[in-house]
Amino acid sequence: EHVRDIKQKYCDAKAGLKGDKLVVAKQLFMQKCLPCWMKKLEASLPAAQPGLSVGSKISLADVVINHNIREYFDDKVAARNSIAECPKLQRIHDNVEQAAAGWYQS
């Protein structure tokens, strides 16, 4: 649910904009808003299983979180940087990347 909220906020930030205004809106979202939303997502994750959002092994929820960080946004570097202060999200991202080595082709 949180990932869907983040995606919706990104769409809302870009809605109806074109050209330079769209570029500025995307940059503003990626630099200011996305890190705040990632911190909210981080706060919702359990501390019991670091590197996993639910359960005791990688789940679809982990893959969805990773996909949101890795693939959803146009600015991949800014998306990855948005979790710089989110150690649980970093571990989830890294765990899925490691498990899926060779699956993704960018």
Protein backbone atom coordinates (compact mmCIF):
# COMPACT_ATOMS: atom_id res chain seq x y z
CA GLU A 1 0.00 0.00 0.00
CA HIS A 2 2.83 2.40 0.84
CA VAL A 3 4.52 1.77 -2.50
CA ARG A 4 1.27 2.55 -4.30
CA ASP A 5 0.99 5.79 -2.32
CA ILE A 6 4.52 6.79 -3.34
CA LYS A 7 3.79 6.09 -7.00
CA GLN A 8 0.57 8.10 -6.81
CA LYS A 9 2.37 11.08 -5.25
CA TYR A 10 4.92 10.96 -8.06
CA CYS A 11 2.15 10.94 -10.67
CA ASP A 12 0.39 13.79 -8.87
CA ALA A 13 3.60 15.85 -8.83
CA LYS A 14 3.92 15.50 -12.64
CA ALA A 15 0.24 15.83 -13.54
CA GLY A 16 -0.50 18.25 -16.34
CA LEU A 17 3.06 19.55 -16.61
CA LYS A 18 5.20 19.71 -19.73
CA GLY A 19 8.64 20.82 -20.77
CA ASP A 20 10.76 22.63 -18.20
CA LYS A 21 8.00 22.61 -15.59
CA LEU A 22 7.84 18.82 -15.79
CA VAL A 23 11.61 18.51 -15.44
CA VAL A 24 11.62 20.78 -12.39
CA ALA A 25 8.65 18.95 -10.82
CA LYS A 26 10.38 15.58 -11.25
CA GLN A 27 13.64 16.89 -9.78
CA LEU A 28 11.85 18.46 -6.83
CA PHE A 29 9.96 15.25 -6.12
CA MET A 30 13.07 13.08 -6.36
CA GLN A 31 15.21 15.34 -4.19
CA LYS A 32 12.71 16.53 -1.58
CA CYS A 33 9.57 14.39 -1.51
CA LEU A 34 10.78 10.88 -2.30
CA PRO A 35 13.29 10.68 0.58
CA CYS A 36 10.49 11.70 2.99
CA TRP A 37 8.16 9.05 1.58
CA MET A 38 10.91 6.43 1.79
CA LYS A 39 11.43 7.30 5.46
CA LYS A 40 7.71 6.75 6.04
CA LEU A 41 7.94 3.38 4.31
CA GLU A 42 11.03 2.56 6.38
CA ALA A 43 9.16 3.37 9.59
CA SER A 44 6.39 0.91 8.66
CA LEU A 45 8.81 -2.02 8.27
CA PRO A 46 9.33 -4.47 11.12
CA ALA A 47 12.62 -4.51 12.98
CA ALA A 48 12.42 -8.24 13.69
CA GLN A 49 13.67 -9.40 10.28
CA PRO A 50 16.18 -6.85 8.95
CA GLY A 51 16.29 -6.94 5.18
CA LEU A 52 12.80 -8.42 4.83
CA SER A 53 9.51 -6.57 4.78
CA VAL A 54 7.43 -9.58 5.91
CA GLY A 55 8.13 -13.15 6.91
CA SER A 56 11.42 -14.97 7.09
CA LYS A 57 12.43 -15.00 3.42
CA ILE A 58 12.22 -12.73 0.39
CA SER A 59 8.59 -12.08 -0.49
CA LEU A 60 6.64 -10.39 -3.25
CA ALA A 61 6.51 -7.31 -0.99
CA ASP A 62 10.33 -7.16 -1.04
CA VAL A 63 10.39 -7.50 -4.82
CA VAL A 64 7.80 -4.71 -5.16
CA ILE A 65 9.85 -2.42 -2.90
CA ASN A 66 13.00 -3.21 -4.88
CA HIS A 67 11.25 -2.62 -8.19
CA ASN A 68 9.99 0.73 -6.95
CA ILE A 69 13.53 1.79 -6.06
CA ARG A 70 15.27 0.21 -9.06
CA GLU A 71 12.90 0.58 -11.99
CA TYR A 72 9.88 2.80 -11.43
CA PHE A 73 11.37 6.29 -11.47
CA ASP A 74 13.01 7.99 -14.44
CA ASP A 75 16.01 9.11 -12.36
CA LYS A 76 17.44 5.80 -11.14
CA VAL A 77 20.31 7.40 -9.23
CA ALA A 78 18.02 9.75 -7.31
CA ALA A 79 15.67 6.86 -6.54
CA ARG A 80 18.54 4.82 -5.09
CA ASN A 81 19.81 7.85 -3.18
CA SER A 82 16.36 8.38 -1.68
CA ILE A 83 16.96 5.43 0.66
CA ALA A 84 20.33 6.68 1.90
CA GLU A 85 18.91 7.20 5.40
CA CYS A 86 16.78 4.03 5.35
CA PRO A 87 18.88 1.03 6.41
CA LYS A 88 15.97 -1.45 6.31
CA LEU A 89 15.07 -0.42 2.75
CA GLN A 90 18.72 -0.60 1.74
CA ARG A 91 18.94 -4.16 3.05
CA ILE A 92 15.71 -5.18 1.32
CA HIS A 93 16.98 -3.66 -1.93
CA ASP A 94 20.36 -5.37 -1.59
CA ASN A 95 18.82 -8.74 -0.62
CA VAL A 96 16.53 -8.76 -3.64
CA GLU A 97 19.35 -7.62 -5.93
CA GLN A 98 21.55 -10.42 -4.67
CA ALA A 99 18.81 -13.04 -4.96
CA ALA A 100 17.87 -11.86 -8.43
CA ALA A 101 21.41 -11.55 -9.80
CA GLY A 102 21.16 -12.29 -13.48
CA TRP A 103 17.37 -11.91 -13.64
CA TYR A 104 17.37 -8.19 -14.31
CA GLN A 105 18.68 -6.79 -17.54
CA SER A 106 18.87 -3.02 -17.64
